[in-house]
Amino acid sequence: MTSRIRYTLILTLVLSLPFGLRAQTLPLLYNPTDARTMALGGAGVALEANAWAVDANMAAAALSAKDFAGGVAYSYWAPGLLPDNRFSAGGWFRTGAFAVGVSGKGNFSQLTELYGPAGEPAGSFSPRDLSVALGGAWMPVPGVAFSATARFISSVLGEQVKGTAFCADLAIHYAFGPVRAGFSASNLSGPIFYGNTSYPLPARIRGGATYSNLWIDATLEAEYLAQAGMMATLGVEGRPLEQAGQPRSWLALRAAFHYGPADKGLPSFGSAGIGLNFSGLEIDFGVLFGSPVLGGSLCAGISYGF
């Protein structure tokens, strides 16, 4: 089989797979990155910054009471279709009204065998996507911050099917009293090219708000994902052991419902998780359920901040 025919077969196969893997290019750019985000149904644009703020809303880092946060996470994604392994690392530091953060993440799909039109073996491949980002945030006045992030993307669908792209994220975060609000526009760029074939990046626009009291954070987020449409998430984090005047308790319980199209983007699912905090060391777990494709997806992460 000629390399051109093999290239066409690989590209056609991978980009025509059902939603769970490739209904849109580069799902790495809009799927949950860390365990807290997964447990809260993908919501994060209006939440307090954690170690993965570069991927959620980098502007939140400039409003944080912490000066540093960093963490790593592992996810097992979409066991109901073609599962893959995902890894992420993120971190940021803040000095005065400014914050700088970095992010790196990747997904590595299972090895897939290829066959030609007559059923003859045509090799194998393991699709993988990688993303590296650098973000900066500025708080011009107390309670309001802006951020900009630059991101490099590498996508490998086969031995001869590769693409790279650059994109940008812009965000704003507001925090005053018990209320937070956030807005972001992400994955802003032209298409990614696999050889002579181009596919648009999954541009997304998100807006959300969070209300907090001593025991609960409740967040509501709406999102428009290009080529998919509207999605929405309602998430709650409860801290049943919290006490007034004391440091944040060691236990957080999380749950959410995410609504999305059945065949594009992220379909509807429920999620739950737990967070453990020991003097700045956080261990988080998240799991998805209620979806034939995404049910059983899980994520575990560890981070540290001060």
C-alpha atoms as a PDB file:
ATOM      1  CA  MET A   1       0.000   0.000   0.000  1.00  0.00           C
ATOM      2  CA  THR A   2       1.423   3.397  -0.928  1.00  0.00           C
ATOM      3  CA  SER A   3       2.166   5.910   1.819  1.00  0.00           C
ATOM      4  CA  ARG A   4      -0.432   8.323   0.365  1.00  0.00           C
ATOM      5  CA  ILE A   5      -3.230   5.721   0.523  1.00  0.00           C
ATOM      6  CA  ARG A   6      -2.164   4.720   4.013  1.00  0.00           C
ATOM      7  CA  TYR A   7      -2.141   8.384   5.077  1.00  0.00           C
ATOM      8  CA  THR A   8      -5.686   8.822   3.743  1.00  0.00           C
ATOM      9  CA  LEU A   9      -6.939   5.703   5.515  1.00  0.00           C
ATOM     10  CA  ILE A  10      -5.476   6.779   8.849  1.00  0.00           C
ATOM     11  CA  LEU A  11      -6.859  10.293   8.627  1.00  0.00           C
ATOM     12  CA  THR A  12     -10.299   9.088   7.518  1.00  0.00           C
ATOM     13  CA  LEU A  13     -10.490   6.467  10.251  1.00  0.00           C
ATOM     14  CA  VAL A  14      -9.389   8.672  13.117  1.00  0.00           C
ATOM     15  CA  LEU A  15     -11.349  11.790  12.251  1.00  0.00           C
ATOM     16  CA  SER A  16     -14.553   9.856  11.552  1.00  0.00           C
ATOM     17  CA  LEU A  17     -14.595   7.963  14.852  1.00  0.00           C
ATOM     18  CA  PRO A  18     -17.672   8.537  17.045  1.00  0.00           C
ATOM     19  CA  PHE A  19     -17.869  11.425  19.435  1.00  0.00           C
ATOM     20  CA  GLY A  20     -15.935   9.843  22.271  1.00  0.00           C
ATOM     21  CA  LEU A  21     -12.568  10.092  20.552  1.00  0.00           C
ATOM     22  CA  ARG A  22     -12.581  12.332  17.489  1.00  0.00           C
ATOM     23  CA  ALA A  23     -15.966  13.804  16.562  1.00  0.00           C
ATOM     24  CA  GLN A  24     -14.035  17.033  17.006  1.00  0.00           C
ATOM     25  CA  THR A  25     -10.336  17.543  16.707  1.00  0.00           C
ATOM     26  CA  LEU A  26      -8.164  17.733  19.812  1.00  0.00           C
ATOM     27  CA  PRO A  27     -10.599  16.840  22.611  1.00  0.00           C
ATOM     28  CA  LEU A  28      -7.641  17.407  24.931  1.00  0.00           C
ATOM     29  CA  LEU A  29      -8.393  21.124  24.598  1.00  0.00           C
ATOM     30  CA  TYR A  30     -11.901  20.966  26.068  1.00  0.00           C
ATOM     31  CA  ASN A  31     -12.041  17.836  28.253  1.00  0.00           C
ATOM     32  CA  PRO A  32     -11.483  18.117  32.042  1.00  0.00           C
ATOM     33  CA  THR A  33      -7.788  18.370  32.875  1.00  0.00           C
ATOM     34  CA  ASP A  34      -7.613  17.673  36.617  1.00  0.00           C
ATOM     35  CA  ALA A  35      -9.545  15.765  39.272  1.00  0.00           C
ATOM     36  CA  ARG A  36     -11.354  18.757  40.807  1.00  0.00           C
ATOM     37  CA  THR A  37     -12.549  19.886  37.397  1.00  0.00           C
ATOM     38  CA  MET A  38     -13.705  16.367  36.511  1.00  0.00           C
ATOM     39  CA  ALA A  39     -15.583  15.985  39.818  1.00  0.00           C
ATOM     40  CA  LEU A  40     -17.332  19.322  39.126  1.00  0.00           C
ATOM     41  CA  GLY A  41     -18.454  18.290  35.648  1.00  0.00           C
ATOM     42  CA  GLY A  42     -15.814  20.262  33.775  1.00  0.00           C
ATOM     43  CA  ALA A  43     -16.646  23.586  35.463  1.00  0.00           C
ATOM     44  CA  GLY A  44     -13.742  25.829  36.415  1.00  0.00           C
ATOM     45  CA  VAL A  45     -13.984  29.268  34.813  1.00  0.00           C
ATOM     46  CA  ALA A  46     -15.452  30.878  37.962  1.00  0.00           C
ATOM     47  CA  LEU A  47     -13.671  28.847  40.651  1.00  0.00           C
ATOM     48  CA  GLU A  48     -10.801  29.739  42.963  1.00  0.00           C
ATOM     49  CA  ALA A  49      -7.487  28.965  41.252  1.00  0.00           C
ATOM     50  CA  ASN A  50      -5.940  25.551  41.776  1.00  0.00           C
ATOM     51  CA  ALA A  51      -2.683  24.242  40.271  1.00  0.00           C
ATOM     52  CA  TRP A  52      -4.307  23.877  36.828  1.00  0.00           C
ATOM     53  CA  ALA A  53      -5.495  27.501  36.586  1.00  0.00           C
ATOM     54  CA  VAL A  54      -3.782  27.937  33.194  1.00  0.00           C
ATOM     55  CA  ASP A  55      -6.329  25.500  31.724  1.00  0.00           C
ATOM     56  CA  ALA A  56      -9.363  26.750  33.694  1.00  0.00           C
ATOM     57  CA  ASN A  57      -9.014  30.534  34.077  1.00  0.00           C
ATOM     58  CA  MET A  58      -5.503  31.899  34.537  1.00  0.00           C
ATOM     59  CA  ALA A  59      -6.886  35.242  35.724  1.00  0.00           C
ATOM     60  CA  ALA A  60      -8.037  33.571  38.955  1.00  0.00           C
ATOM     61  CA  ALA A  61      -4.398  33.028  39.964  1.00  0.00           C
ATOM     62  CA  ALA A  62      -3.814  36.786  40.237  1.00  0.00           C
ATOM     63  CA  LEU A  63      -6.686  36.979  42.771  1.00  0.00           C
ATOM     64  CA  SER A  64      -5.544  34.037  44.859  1.00  0.00           C
ATOM     65  CA  ALA A  65      -4.510  34.319  48.509  1.00  0.00           C
ATOM     66  CA  LYS A  66      -1.734  31.842  47.674  1.00  0.00           C
ATOM     67  CA  ASP A  67       1.618  32.698  46.129  1.00  0.00           C
ATOM     68  CA  PHE A  68       2.230  29.317  44.471  1.00  0.00           C
ATOM     69  CA  ALA A  69       0.444  26.151  43.385  1.00  0.00           C
ATOM     70  CA  GLY A  70       1.655  23.153  41.392  1.00  0.00           C
ATOM     71  CA  GLY A  71       0.343  19.667  40.689  1.00  0.00           C
ATOM     72  CA  VAL A  72       0.166  16.581  38.478  1.00  0.00           C
ATOM     73  CA  ALA A  73      -2.810  14.419  37.485  1.00  0.00           C
ATOM     74  CA  TYR A  74      -3.626  11.185  35.672  1.00  0.00           C
ATOM     75  CA  SER A  75      -6.912  10.387  33.896  1.00  0.00           C
ATOM     76  CA  TYR A  76      -8.373   7.251  32.356  1.00  0.00           C
ATOM     77  CA  TRP A  77     -10.799   8.587  29.771  1.00  0.00           C
ATOM     78  CA  ALA A  78     -13.829   7.191  27.891  1.00  0.00           C
ATOM     79  CA  PRO A  79     -13.644   3.475  28.801  1.00  0.00           C
ATOM     80  CA  GLY A  80     -16.974   2.950  27.025  1.00  0.00           C
ATOM     81  CA  LEU A  81     -15.466   3.611  23.586  1.00  0.00           C
ATOM     82  CA  LEU A  82     -11.723   3.719  22.926  1.00  0.00           C
ATOM     83  CA  PRO A  83     -10.100   4.508  26.268  1.00  0.00           C
ATOM     84  CA  ASP A  84      -6.947   6.546  26.539  1.00  0.00           C
ATOM     85  CA  ASN A  85      -4.504   7.601  29.230  1.00  0.00           C
ATOM     86  CA  ARG A  86      -4.113  11.270  30.000  1.00  0.00           C
ATOM     87  CA  PHE A  87      -1.494  13.116  31.993  1.00  0.00           C
ATOM     88  CA  SER A  88      -1.317  16.742  33.039  1.00  0.00           C
ATOM     89  CA  ALA A  89       0.921  19.037  35.057  1.00  0.00           C
ATOM     90  CA  GLY A  90       0.269  22.644  35.963  1.00  0.00           C
ATOM     91  CA  GLY A  91       1.540  25.372  38.198  1.00  0.00           C
ATOM     92  CA  TRP A  92       1.741  29.104  38.764  1.00  0.00           C
ATOM     93  CA  PHE A  93       3.271  31.662  41.078  1.00  0.00           C
ATOM     94  CA  ARG A  94       2.003  35.080  42.072  1.00  0.00           C
ATOM     95  CA  THR A  95       3.873  38.211  43.043  1.00  0.00           C
ATOM     96  CA  GLY A  96       1.835  41.258  43.931  1.00  0.00           C
ATOM     97  CA  ALA A  97      -0.751  41.946  41.224  1.00  0.00           C
ATOM     98  CA  PHE A  98       0.835  39.561  38.704  1.00  0.00           C
ATOM     99  CA  ALA A  99       0.821  35.809  38.211  1.00  0.00           C
ATOM    100  CA  VAL A 100       2.604  33.543  35.721  1.00  0.00           C
ATOM    101  CA  GLY A 101       1.646  29.946  35.051  1.00  0.00           C
ATOM    102  CA  VAL A 102       2.530  26.927  32.922  1.00  0.00           C
ATOM    103  CA  SER A 103       0.625  23.858  31.795  1.00  0.00           C
ATOM    104  CA  GLY A 104       1.507  20.635  30.039  1.00  0.00           C
ATOM    105  CA  LYS A 105      -0.903  17.831  29.170  1.00  0.00           C
ATOM    106  CA  GLY A 106      -1.218  14.902  26.802  1.00  0.00           C
ATOM    107  CA  ASN A 107      -3.424  11.980  25.875  1.00  0.00           C
ATOM    108  CA  PHE A 108      -2.186   8.642  24.581  1.00  0.00           C
ATOM    109  CA  SER A 109      -4.756   6.347  22.963  1.00  0.00           C
ATOM    110  CA  GLN A 110      -4.593   2.587  22.747  1.00  0.00           C
ATOM    111  CA  LEU A 111      -2.761   0.989  19.838  1.00  0.00           C
ATOM    112  CA  THR A 112      -5.104   0.603  16.857  1.00  0.00           C
ATOM    113  CA  GLU A 113      -4.482  -1.850  14.019  1.00  0.00           C
ATOM    114  CA  LEU A 114      -5.093  -0.634  10.434  1.00  0.00           C
ATOM    115  CA  TYR A 115      -6.321  -2.716   7.513  1.00  0.00           C
ATOM    116  CA  GLY A 116      -6.509  -1.945   3.817  1.00  0.00           C
ATOM    117  CA  PRO A 117      -9.560  -2.187   1.500  1.00  0.00           C
ATOM    118  CA  ALA A 118      -8.945  -5.927   0.961  1.00  0.00           C
ATOM    119  CA  GLY A 119      -8.442  -6.604   4.661  1.00  0.00           C
ATOM    120  CA  GLU A 120      -4.676  -6.702   4.462  1.00  0.00           C
ATOM    121  CA  PRO A 121      -2.710  -5.372   7.455  1.00  0.00           C
ATOM    122  CA  ALA A 122      -1.707  -1.740   6.966  1.00  0.00           C
ATOM    123  CA  GLY A 123       0.228  -1.174  10.193  1.00  0.00           C
ATOM    124  CA  SER A 124      -0.867   0.286  13.494  1.00  0.00           C
ATOM    125  CA  PHE A 125      -0.852   3.599  15.276  1.00  0.00           C
ATOM    126  CA  SER A 126      -1.494   5.112  18.688  1.00  0.00           C
ATOM    127  CA  PRO A 127      -3.013   8.613  18.410  1.00  0.00           C
ATOM    128  CA  ARG A 128      -1.621  11.171  20.828  1.00  0.00           C
ATOM    129  CA  ASP A 129      -2.070  14.872  21.445  1.00  0.00           C
ATOM    130  CA  LEU A 130       0.196  17.157  23.457  1.00  0.00           C
ATOM    131  CA  SER A 131      -0.306  20.716  24.675  1.00  0.00           C
ATOM    132  CA  VAL A 132       2.111  23.123  26.373  1.00  0.00           C
ATOM    133  CA  ALA A 133       0.984  26.561  27.560  1.00  0.00           C
ATOM    134  CA  LEU A 134       2.350  29.685  29.198  1.00  0.00           C
ATOM    135  CA  GLY A 135      -0.017  32.197  30.777  1.00  0.00           C
ATOM    136  CA  GLY A 136       0.144  35.545  32.527  1.00  0.00           C
ATOM    137  CA  ALA A 137      -2.410  37.388  34.668  1.00  0.00           C
ATOM    138  CA  TRP A 138      -2.736  40.911  36.020  1.00  0.00           C
ATOM    139  CA  MET A 139      -4.979  42.365  38.736  1.00  0.00           C
ATOM    140  CA  PRO A 140      -5.402  46.099  37.923  1.00  0.00           C
ATOM    141  CA  VAL A 141      -7.791  46.666  40.850  1.00  0.00           C
ATOM    142  CA  PRO A 142      -8.675  44.457  43.820  1.00  0.00           C
ATOM    143  CA  GLY A 143     -11.135  41.741  42.864  1.00  0.00           C
ATOM    144  CA  VAL A 144     -10.698  41.938  39.078  1.00  0.00           C
ATOM    145  CA  ALA A 145      -8.026  40.245  36.968  1.00  0.00           C
ATOM    146  CA  PHE A 146      -7.290  39.608  33.294  1.00  0.00           C
ATOM    147  CA  SER A 147      -5.145  36.937  31.677  1.00  0.00           C
ATOM    148  CA  ALA A 148      -3.697  35.847  28.348  1.00  0.00           C
ATOM    149  CA  THR A 149      -2.269  32.418  27.542  1.00  0.00           C
ATOM    150  CA  ALA A 150      -0.269  31.140  24.561  1.00  0.00           C
ATOM    151  CA  ARG A 151      -0.498  27.426  23.732  1.00  0.00           C
ATOM    152  CA  PHE A 152       1.425  25.060  21.449  1.00  0.00           C
ATOM    153  CA  ILE A 153      -0.299  21.889  20.258  1.00  0.00           C
ATOM    154  CA  SER A 154       1.126  18.763  18.671  1.00  0.00           C
ATOM    155  CA  SER A 155      -1.136  16.017  17.327  1.00  0.00           C
ATOM    156  CA  VAL A 156       0.014  12.654  15.971  1.00  0.00           C
ATOM    157  CA  LEU A 157      -2.622  10.435  14.368  1.00  0.00           C
ATOM    158  CA  GLY A 158      -0.205   8.078  12.640  1.00  0.00           C
ATOM    159  CA  GLU A 159       3.362   7.678  11.504  1.00  0.00           C
ATOM    160  CA  GLN A 160       2.812  10.070   8.608  1.00  0.00           C
ATOM    161  CA  VAL A 161      -0.199  11.967   9.933  1.00  0.00           C
ATOM    162  CA  LYS A 162       0.979  14.789  12.177  1.00  0.00           C
ATOM    163  CA  GLY A 163      -0.035  18.350  12.856  1.00  0.00           C
ATOM    164  CA  THR A 164       0.958  21.329  14.983  1.00  0.00           C
ATOM    165  CA  ALA A 165      -0.794  24.556  15.861  1.00  0.00           C
ATOM    166  CA  PHE A 166      -0.618  27.607  18.105  1.00  0.00           C
ATOM    167  CA  CYS A 167      -3.603  29.175  19.844  1.00  0.00           C
ATOM    168  CA  ALA A 168      -4.447  31.694  22.559  1.00  0.00           C
ATOM    169  CA  ASP A 169      -6.757  31.928  25.570  1.00  0.00           C
ATOM    170  CA  LEU A 170      -8.152  35.162  27.039  1.00  0.00           C
ATOM    171  CA  ALA A 171      -9.935  35.358  30.393  1.00  0.00           C
ATOM    172  CA  ILE A 172     -11.297  37.621  33.106  1.00  0.00           C
ATOM    173  CA  HIS A 173     -12.069  36.761  36.724  1.00  0.00           C
ATOM    174  CA  TYR A 174     -14.021  38.690  39.359  1.00  0.00           C
ATOM    175  CA  ALA A 175     -14.090  37.936  43.088  1.00  0.00           C
ATOM    176  CA  PHE A 176     -15.805  39.987  45.760  1.00  0.00           C
ATOM    177  CA  GLY A 177     -17.253  38.653  48.984  1.00  0.00           C
ATOM    178  CA  PRO A 178     -19.094  35.368  48.467  1.00  0.00           C
ATOM    179  CA  VAL A 179     -19.389  35.770  44.683  1.00  0.00           C
ATOM    180  CA  ARG A 180     -16.999  34.881  41.887  1.00  0.00           C
ATOM    181  CA  ALA A 181     -17.549  35.246  38.155  1.00  0.00           C
ATOM    182  CA  GLY A 182     -15.431  34.308  35.196  1.00  0.00           C
ATOM    183  CA  PHE A 183     -15.386  34.515  31.418  1.00  0.00           C
ATOM    184  CA  SER A 184     -12.949  32.990  28.960  1.00  0.00           C
ATOM    185  CA  ALA A 185     -12.417  32.536  25.242  1.00  0.00           C
ATOM    186  CA  SER A 186     -10.094  29.624  24.521  1.00  0.00           C
ATOM    187  CA  ASN A 187      -8.367  27.844  21.650  1.00  0.00           C
ATOM    188  CA  LEU A 188      -8.451  30.966  19.492  1.00  0.00           C
ATOM    189  CA  SER A 189      -6.551  30.240  16.298  1.00  0.00           C
ATOM    190  CA  GLY A 190      -6.739  29.099  12.728  1.00  0.00           C
ATOM    191  CA  PRO A 191      -7.011  25.392  11.843  1.00  0.00           C
ATOM    192  CA  ILE A 192      -4.570  22.593  12.504  1.00  0.00           C
ATOM    193  CA  PHE A 193      -3.122  20.969   9.372  1.00  0.00           C
ATOM    194  CA  TYR A 194      -2.566  17.245   8.955  1.00  0.00           C
ATOM    195  CA  GLY A 195      -0.557  17.325   5.763  1.00  0.00           C
ATOM    196  CA  ASN A 196      -2.728  19.187   3.256  1.00  0.00           C
ATOM    197  CA  THR A 197      -5.930  18.630   5.231  1.00  0.00           C
ATOM    198  CA  SER A 198      -7.050  21.235   7.771  1.00  0.00           C
ATOM    199  CA  TYR A 199      -9.463  20.960  10.688  1.00  0.00           C
ATOM    200  CA  PRO A 200     -10.640  23.795  12.945  1.00  0.00           C
ATOM    201  CA  LEU A 201      -9.523  23.914  16.558  1.00  0.00           C
ATOM    202  CA  PRO A 202     -12.338  23.479  19.120  1.00  0.00           C
ATOM    203  CA  ALA A 203     -12.777  27.148  20.051  1.00  0.00           C
ATOM    204  CA  ARG A 204     -14.783  27.564  23.233  1.00  0.00           C
ATOM    205  CA  ILE A 205     -16.436  30.447  25.084  1.00  0.00           C
ATOM    206  CA  ARG A 206     -17.309  29.983  28.757  1.00  0.00           C
ATOM    207  CA  GLY A 207     -18.999  32.103  31.369  1.00  0.00           C
ATOM    208  CA  GLY A 208     -19.923  31.216  34.924  1.00  0.00           C
ATOM    209  CA  ALA A 209     -20.554  32.300  38.486  1.00  0.00           C
ATOM    210  CA  THR A 210     -19.864  30.780  41.899  1.00  0.00           C
ATOM    211  CA  TYR A 211     -21.470  31.478  45.251  1.00  0.00           C
ATOM    212  CA  SER A 212     -19.608  30.437  48.396  1.00  0.00           C
ATOM    213  CA  ASN A 213     -20.320  30.278  52.086  1.00  0.00           C
ATOM    214  CA  LEU A 214     -18.576  28.496  54.950  1.00  0.00           C
ATOM    215  CA  TRP A 215     -19.680  25.022  53.884  1.00  0.00           C
ATOM    216  CA  ILE A 216     -20.544  25.134  50.177  1.00  0.00           C
ATOM    217  CA  ASP A 217     -19.322  26.399  46.817  1.00  0.00           C
ATOM    218  CA  ALA A 218     -22.038  26.277  44.139  1.00  0.00           C
ATOM    219  CA  THR A 219     -20.962  26.987  40.563  1.00  0.00           C
ATOM    220  CA  LEU A 220     -22.994  27.367  37.365  1.00  0.00           C
ATOM    221  CA  GLU A 221     -21.262  27.486  34.005  1.00  0.00           C
ATOM    222  CA  ALA A 222     -22.439  27.841  30.404  1.00  0.00           C
ATOM    223  CA  GLU A 223     -20.248  27.059  27.420  1.00  0.00           C
ATOM    224  CA  TYR A 224     -20.356  27.351  23.655  1.00  0.00           C
ATOM    225  CA  LEU A 225     -18.065  24.892  21.886  1.00  0.00           C
ATOM    226  CA  ALA A 226     -17.515  25.441  18.164  1.00  0.00           C
ATOM    227  CA  GLN A 227     -18.939  22.649  15.985  1.00  0.00           C
ATOM    228  CA  ALA A 228     -20.813  21.288  19.027  1.00  0.00           C
ATOM    229  CA  GLY A 229     -23.127  23.982  20.389  1.00  0.00           C
ATOM    230  CA  MET A 230     -24.190  24.896  23.894  1.00  0.00           C
ATOM    231  CA  MET A 231     -23.317  23.018  27.064  1.00  0.00           C
ATOM    232  CA  ALA A 232     -23.921  23.760  30.750  1.00  0.00           C
ATOM    233  CA  THR A 233     -22.725  22.505  34.128  1.00  0.00           C
ATOM    234  CA  LEU A 234     -23.997  22.826  37.693  1.00  0.00           C
ATOM    235  CA  GLY A 235     -21.519  21.762  40.359  1.00  0.00           C
ATOM    236  CA  VAL A 236     -21.353  21.813  44.158  1.00  0.00           C
ATOM    237  CA  GLU A 237     -18.459  21.398  46.569  1.00  0.00           C
ATOM    238  CA  GLY A 238     -19.386  20.745  50.195  1.00  0.00           C
ATOM    239  CA  ARG A 239     -17.104  21.004  53.228  1.00  0.00           C
ATOM    240  CA  PRO A 240     -19.095  19.380  56.047  1.00  0.00           C
ATOM    241  CA  LEU A 241     -16.289  19.666  58.617  1.00  0.00           C
ATOM    242  CA  GLU A 242     -15.590  23.366  58.068  1.00  0.00           C
ATOM    243  CA  GLN A 243     -15.512  25.571  61.154  1.00  0.00           C
ATOM    244  CA  ALA A 244     -15.641  29.349  61.322  1.00  0.00           C
ATOM    245  CA  GLY A 245     -12.316  30.977  62.128  1.00  0.00           C
ATOM    246  CA  GLN A 246     -10.347  27.801  61.376  1.00  0.00           C
ATOM    247  CA  PRO A 247      -8.191  26.836  58.369  1.00  0.00           C
ATOM    248  CA  ARG A 248     -10.056  25.116  55.543  1.00  0.00           C
ATOM    249  CA  SER A 249     -11.056  21.590  56.569  1.00  0.00           C
ATOM    250  CA  TRP A 250      -9.279  18.546  55.194  1.00  0.00           C
ATOM    251  CA  LEU A 251     -12.377  17.131  53.450  1.00  0.00           C
ATOM    252  CA  ALA A 252     -14.278  18.341  50.372  1.00  0.00           C
ATOM    253  CA  LEU A 253     -17.121  16.432  48.694  1.00  0.00           C
ATOM    254  CA  ARG A 254     -17.996  17.286  45.091  1.00  0.00           C
ATOM    255  CA  ALA A 255     -20.771  16.466  42.639  1.00  0.00           C
ATOM    256  CA  ALA A 256     -22.088  17.921  39.384  1.00  0.00           C
ATOM    257  CA  PHE A 257     -24.349  17.456  36.399  1.00  0.00           C
ATOM    258  CA  HIS A 258     -23.130  18.357  32.935  1.00  0.00           C
ATOM    259  CA  TYR A 259     -25.483  18.823  29.980  1.00  0.00           C
ATOM    260  CA  GLY A 260     -24.168  18.501  26.425  1.00  0.00           C
ATOM    261  CA  PRO A 261     -25.115  17.230  22.948  1.00  0.00           C
ATOM    262  CA  ALA A 262     -25.273  13.454  22.630  1.00  0.00           C
ATOM    263  CA  ASP A 263     -23.002  13.236  19.586  1.00  0.00           C
ATOM    264  CA  LYS A 264     -20.595  16.172  19.873  1.00  0.00           C
ATOM    265  CA  GLY A 265     -18.352  17.821  22.416  1.00  0.00           C
ATOM    266  CA  LEU A 266     -19.058  16.429  25.877  1.00  0.00           C
ATOM    267  CA  PRO A 267     -22.385  14.574  26.193  1.00  0.00           C
ATOM    268  CA  SER A 268     -24.461  14.726  29.353  1.00  0.00           C
ATOM    269  CA  PHE A 269     -23.067  12.991  32.428  1.00  0.00           C
ATOM    270  CA  GLY A 270     -22.986  13.084  36.197  1.00  0.00           C
ATOM    271  CA  SER A 271     -19.794  13.403  38.203  1.00  0.00           C
ATOM    272  CA  ALA A 272     -18.594  13.082  41.762  1.00  0.00           C
ATOM    273  CA  GLY A 273     -15.350  13.297  43.657  1.00  0.00           C
ATOM    274  CA  ILE A 274     -13.501  13.968  46.866  1.00  0.00           C
ATOM    275  CA  GLY A 275     -10.712  16.315  47.884  1.00  0.00           C
ATOM    276  CA  LEU A 276      -8.314  15.883  50.809  1.00  0.00           C
ATOM    277  CA  ASN A 277      -6.244  18.810  52.084  1.00  0.00           C
ATOM    278  CA  PHE A 278      -3.346  18.390  54.492  1.00  0.00           C
ATOM    279  CA  SER A 279      -1.622  21.719  55.207  1.00  0.00           C
ATOM    280  CA  GLY A 280      -1.496  22.716  51.550  1.00  0.00           C
ATOM    281  CA  LEU A 281      -0.994  19.226  50.130  1.00  0.00           C
ATOM    282  CA  GLU A 282      -4.141  18.318  48.182  1.00  0.00           C
ATOM    283  CA  ILE A 283      -5.160  14.896  46.909  1.00  0.00           C
ATOM    284  CA  ASP A 284      -8.187  14.860  44.600  1.00  0.00           C
ATOM    285  CA  PHE A 285     -10.268  12.184  42.881  1.00  0.00           C
ATOM    286  CA  GLY A 286     -13.050  12.486  40.312  1.00  0.00           C
ATOM    287  CA  VAL A 287     -15.239  10.035  38.394  1.00  0.00           C
ATOM    288  CA  LEU A 288     -17.927  10.320  35.692  1.00  0.00           C
ATOM    289  CA  PHE A 289     -21.125   8.276  35.470  1.00  0.00           C
ATOM    290  CA  GLY A 290     -24.452   8.202  33.638  1.00  0.00           C
ATOM    291  CA  SER A 291     -22.942   8.205  30.130  1.00  0.00           C
ATOM    292  CA  PRO A 292     -22.461   5.110  27.925  1.00  0.00           C
ATOM    293  CA  VAL A 293     -19.232   6.556  26.532  1.00  0.00           C
ATOM    294  CA  LEU A 294     -17.779   8.553  29.421  1.00  0.00           C
ATOM    295  CA  GLY A 295     -19.131   6.582  32.387  1.00  0.00           C
ATOM    296  CA  GLY A 296     -16.245   5.170  34.400  1.00  0.00           C
ATOM    297  CA  SER A 297     -13.778   7.875  33.359  1.00  0.00           C
ATOM    298  CA  LEU A 298     -11.685   8.808  36.355  1.00  0.00           C
ATOM    299  CA  CYS A 299      -8.957  11.183  37.417  1.00  0.00           C
ATOM    300  CA  ALA A 300      -6.566  11.386  40.363  1.00  0.00           C
ATOM    301  CA  GLY A 301      -4.326  14.333  41.143  1.00  0.00           C
ATOM    302  CA  ILE A 302      -1.931  15.653  43.747  1.00  0.00           C
ATOM    303  CA  SER A 303      -0.924  19.271  44.225  1.00  0.00           C
ATOM    304  CA  TYR A 304       0.698  21.620  46.699  1.00  0.00           C
ATOM    305  CA  GLY A 305       0.190  25.311  47.323  1.00  0.00           C
ATOM    306  CA  PHE A 306       1.054  28.008  49.803  1.00  0.00           C
END
